[in-house]
Every structure is written in C-alpha cells, then in structure tokens.
Amino acid sequence: MKTILIKPLLTEKLTLLQEKQNKYSFQVSKDANKIEIKKAVEEKYSVTVTGVNTSLKDGKVKIQMTKKGLLVGKKDDLKKAVVTLKTGDSIDFLKNT
C-alpha cells in the first residue's frame, strides 16, 4: 500500500487559510489523485472533506562553486494538496500525529 499523505504543511499563510476558510494543506505523493487524497484525509482525521485542490512545484536547482568546479544539484519535486473541510470540522495536528 502506498503512502498518500506525507506530512501536513504549516506556514503563516496556510494557518490563515485554516482559521478563515477551513482549508488544510498537506504534502502528498506525486502519483496520488484527488479521490485518494480525500479518502486518506477522511480516514486519518475523521472529518468530512468537501473539496481538494492539488498543485505541483518543481524542485529548486542549487549551484555551488568549489575549488574543483561547479556542483549542481536539485531539490525534490513537491505535490501539495489543499483540502477544504465541512463547516464545523477541524484538524488538530498536534493531537492527531
């Protein structure tokens, strides 16, 4: 069985979305679709999901100059999912980890 939810994303902007619009954000596996994400959130946190939005972010390229020349590397690509919950539902990440 594949892991769909990797970790919750917690930033200032996403915290405002949680408070005002009841939306929560997760890092998910790259091959997960919206239906799988919805089921995974509902099973893990016992809430009702009304909507799922996903986005892909390309990894950042890093270049470092050394004595032996340039070292070129790349961070991993990332898939994010923003999940909208039914009014009245909420997720406490500290309690449900």
C-alpha atoms as a PDB file:
ATOM      1  CA  MET A   1       0.000   0.000   0.000  1.00  0.00           C
ATOM      2  CA  LYS A   2       1.389   3.384  -0.941  1.00  0.00           C
ATOM      3  CA  THR A   3       1.647   6.338   1.400  1.00  0.00           C
ATOM      4  CA  ILE A   4      -0.599   9.164   0.209  1.00  0.00           C
ATOM      5  CA  LEU A   5      -0.247  11.793   2.948  1.00  0.00           C
ATOM      6  CA  ILE A   6       3.412  12.532   3.612  1.00  0.00           C
ATOM      7  CA  LYS A   7       3.137  15.429   6.075  1.00  0.00           C
ATOM      8  CA  PRO A   8       0.986  18.462   6.876  1.00  0.00           C
ATOM      9  CA  LEU A   9       2.325  21.815   5.711  1.00  0.00           C
ATOM     10  CA  LEU A  10       2.334  24.544   8.356  1.00  0.00           C
ATOM     11  CA  THR A  11       3.176  28.121   7.351  1.00  0.00           C
ATOM     12  CA  GLU A  12       1.765  31.505   8.299  1.00  0.00           C
ATOM     13  CA  LYS A  13      -0.227  31.754   5.074  1.00  0.00           C
ATOM     14  CA  LEU A  14      -1.659  28.253   5.456  1.00  0.00           C
ATOM     15  CA  THR A  15      -2.528  28.927   9.117  1.00  0.00           C
ATOM     16  CA  LEU A  16      -4.641  31.902   7.997  1.00  0.00           C
ATOM     17  CA  LEU A  17      -6.416  29.620   5.500  1.00  0.00           C
ATOM     18  CA  GLN A  18      -7.160  27.185   8.327  1.00  0.00           C
ATOM     19  CA  GLU A  19      -8.665  29.887  10.521  1.00  0.00           C
ATOM     20  CA  LYS A  20     -10.653  31.816   7.896  1.00  0.00           C
ATOM     21  CA  GLN A  21     -11.641  29.288   5.217  1.00  0.00           C
ATOM     22  CA  ASN A  22     -11.308  25.901   6.979  1.00  0.00           C
ATOM     23  CA  LYS A  23      -8.660  24.707   4.468  1.00  0.00           C
ATOM     24  CA  TYR A  24      -5.719  22.475   5.387  1.00  0.00           C
ATOM     25  CA  SER A  25      -2.619  21.741   3.328  1.00  0.00           C
ATOM     26  CA  PHE A  26      -0.626  18.510   3.008  1.00  0.00           C
ATOM     27  CA  GLN A  27       2.394  17.282   1.105  1.00  0.00           C
ATOM     28  CA  VAL A  28       1.203  14.224  -0.804  1.00  0.00           C
ATOM     29  CA  SER A  29       2.815  11.585  -3.004  1.00  0.00           C
ATOM     30  CA  LYS A  30       3.320  12.622  -6.625  1.00  0.00           C
ATOM     31  CA  ASP A  31       1.100   9.896  -8.085  1.00  0.00           C
ATOM     32  CA  ALA A  32      -1.865  10.408  -5.698  1.00  0.00           C
ATOM     33  CA  ASN A  33      -5.105  11.700  -7.201  1.00  0.00           C
ATOM     34  CA  LYS A  34      -7.817  13.836  -5.580  1.00  0.00           C
ATOM     35  CA  ILE A  35     -10.077  10.898  -4.736  1.00  0.00           C
ATOM     36  CA  GLU A  36      -7.271   9.043  -2.934  1.00  0.00           C
ATOM     37  CA  ILE A  37      -6.274  12.205  -1.055  1.00  0.00           C
ATOM     38  CA  LYS A  38      -9.870  12.787   0.064  1.00  0.00           C
ATOM     39  CA  LYS A  39     -10.234   9.220   1.349  1.00  0.00           C
ATOM     40  CA  ALA A  40      -6.874   9.337   3.155  1.00  0.00           C
ATOM     41  CA  VAL A  41      -7.698  12.587   4.989  1.00  0.00           C
ATOM     42  CA  GLU A  42     -11.176  11.377   5.954  1.00  0.00           C
ATOM     43  CA  GLU A  43      -9.818   8.074   7.311  1.00  0.00           C
ATOM     44  CA  LYS A  44      -6.863   9.520   9.209  1.00  0.00           C
ATOM     45  CA  TYR A  45      -8.526  12.571  10.797  1.00  0.00           C
ATOM     46  CA  SER A  46     -12.238  11.510  10.921  1.00  0.00           C
ATOM     47  CA  VAL A  47     -13.519  14.622   9.119  1.00  0.00           C
ATOM     48  CA  THR A  48     -15.694  15.295   6.062  1.00  0.00           C
ATOM     49  CA  VAL A  49     -13.829  16.680   3.035  1.00  0.00           C
ATOM     50  CA  THR A  50     -15.798  18.906   0.637  1.00  0.00           C
ATOM     51  CA  GLY A  51     -13.035  19.779  -1.833  1.00  0.00           C
ATOM     52  CA  VAL A  52      -9.449  19.004  -2.837  1.00  0.00           C
ATOM     53  CA  ASN A  53      -7.099  21.213  -4.867  1.00  0.00           C
ATOM     54  CA  THR A  54      -3.661  19.972  -5.913  1.00  0.00           C
ATOM     55  CA  SER A  55      -0.568  21.682  -7.289  1.00  0.00           C
ATOM     56  CA  LEU A  56       2.875  20.584  -8.421  1.00  0.00           C
ATOM     57  CA  LYS A  57       6.015  22.522  -7.536  1.00  0.00           C
ATOM     58  CA  ASP A  58       9.287  21.876  -9.340  1.00  0.00           C
ATOM     59  CA  GLY A  59      12.368  21.415  -7.197  1.00  0.00           C
ATOM     60  CA  LYS A  60      14.814  24.288  -6.947  1.00  0.00           C
ATOM     61  CA  VAL A  61      18.181  23.983  -8.714  1.00  0.00           C
ATOM     62  CA  LYS A  62      21.157  24.688  -6.463  1.00  0.00           C
ATOM     63  CA  ILE A  63      24.625  25.595  -7.775  1.00  0.00           C
ATOM     64  CA  GLN A  64      27.717  25.822  -5.586  1.00  0.00           C
ATOM     65  CA  MET A  65      31.182  26.977  -6.659  1.00  0.00           C
ATOM     66  CA  THR A  66      34.020  24.872  -5.262  1.00  0.00           C
ATOM     67  CA  LYS A  67      37.756  24.528  -5.926  1.00  0.00           C
ATOM     68  CA  LYS A  68      37.052  21.565  -8.194  1.00  0.00           C
ATOM     69  CA  GLY A  69      34.385  23.385 -10.194  1.00  0.00           C
ATOM     70  CA  LEU A  70      30.642  23.787 -10.097  1.00  0.00           C
ATOM     71  CA  LEU A  71      28.461  21.410  -8.125  1.00  0.00           C
ATOM     72  CA  VAL A  72      24.927  21.314  -9.486  1.00  0.00           C
ATOM     73  CA  GLY A  73      22.091  19.756  -7.514  1.00  0.00           C
ATOM     74  CA  LYS A  74      18.318  19.811  -7.435  1.00  0.00           C
ATOM     75  CA  LYS A  75      15.799  19.592  -4.624  1.00  0.00           C
ATOM     76  CA  ASP A  76      12.952  17.109  -4.930  1.00  0.00           C
ATOM     77  CA  ASP A  77       9.728  17.995  -6.712  1.00  0.00           C
ATOM     78  CA  LEU A  78       6.714  18.532  -4.443  1.00  0.00           C
ATOM     79  CA  LYS A  79       2.987  17.913  -4.768  1.00  0.00           C
ATOM     80  CA  LYS A  80       0.723  19.873  -2.433  1.00  0.00           C
ATOM     81  CA  ALA A  81      -2.951  19.327  -1.696  1.00  0.00           C
ATOM     82  CA  VAL A  82      -5.237  21.934  -0.135  1.00  0.00           C
ATOM     83  CA  VAL A  83      -8.229  20.208   1.451  1.00  0.00           C
ATOM     84  CA  THR A  84     -11.461  22.043   2.305  1.00  0.00           C
ATOM     85  CA  LEU A  85     -13.409  20.624   5.253  1.00  0.00           C
ATOM     86  CA  LYS A  86     -17.111  20.747   6.062  1.00  0.00           C
ATOM     87  CA  THR A  87     -18.158  23.651   8.290  1.00  0.00           C
ATOM     88  CA  GLY A  88     -17.642  22.688  11.915  1.00  0.00           C
ATOM     89  CA  ASP A  89     -14.890  20.127  11.241  1.00  0.00           C
ATOM     90  CA  SER A  90     -11.274  20.857  12.116  1.00  0.00           C
ATOM     91  CA  ILE A  91      -7.944  19.065  12.370  1.00  0.00           C
ATOM     92  CA  ASP A  92      -5.595  19.366  15.351  1.00  0.00           C
ATOM     93  CA  PHE A  93      -2.186  18.359  14.004  1.00  0.00           C
ATOM     94  CA  LEU A  94      -0.567  18.213  17.435  1.00  0.00           C
ATOM     95  CA  LYS A  95      -3.183  15.805  18.774  1.00  0.00           C
ATOM     96  CA  ASN A  96      -3.564  13.567  15.686  1.00  0.00           C
ATOM     97  CA  THR A  97       0.076  12.895  14.780  1.00  0.00           C
END
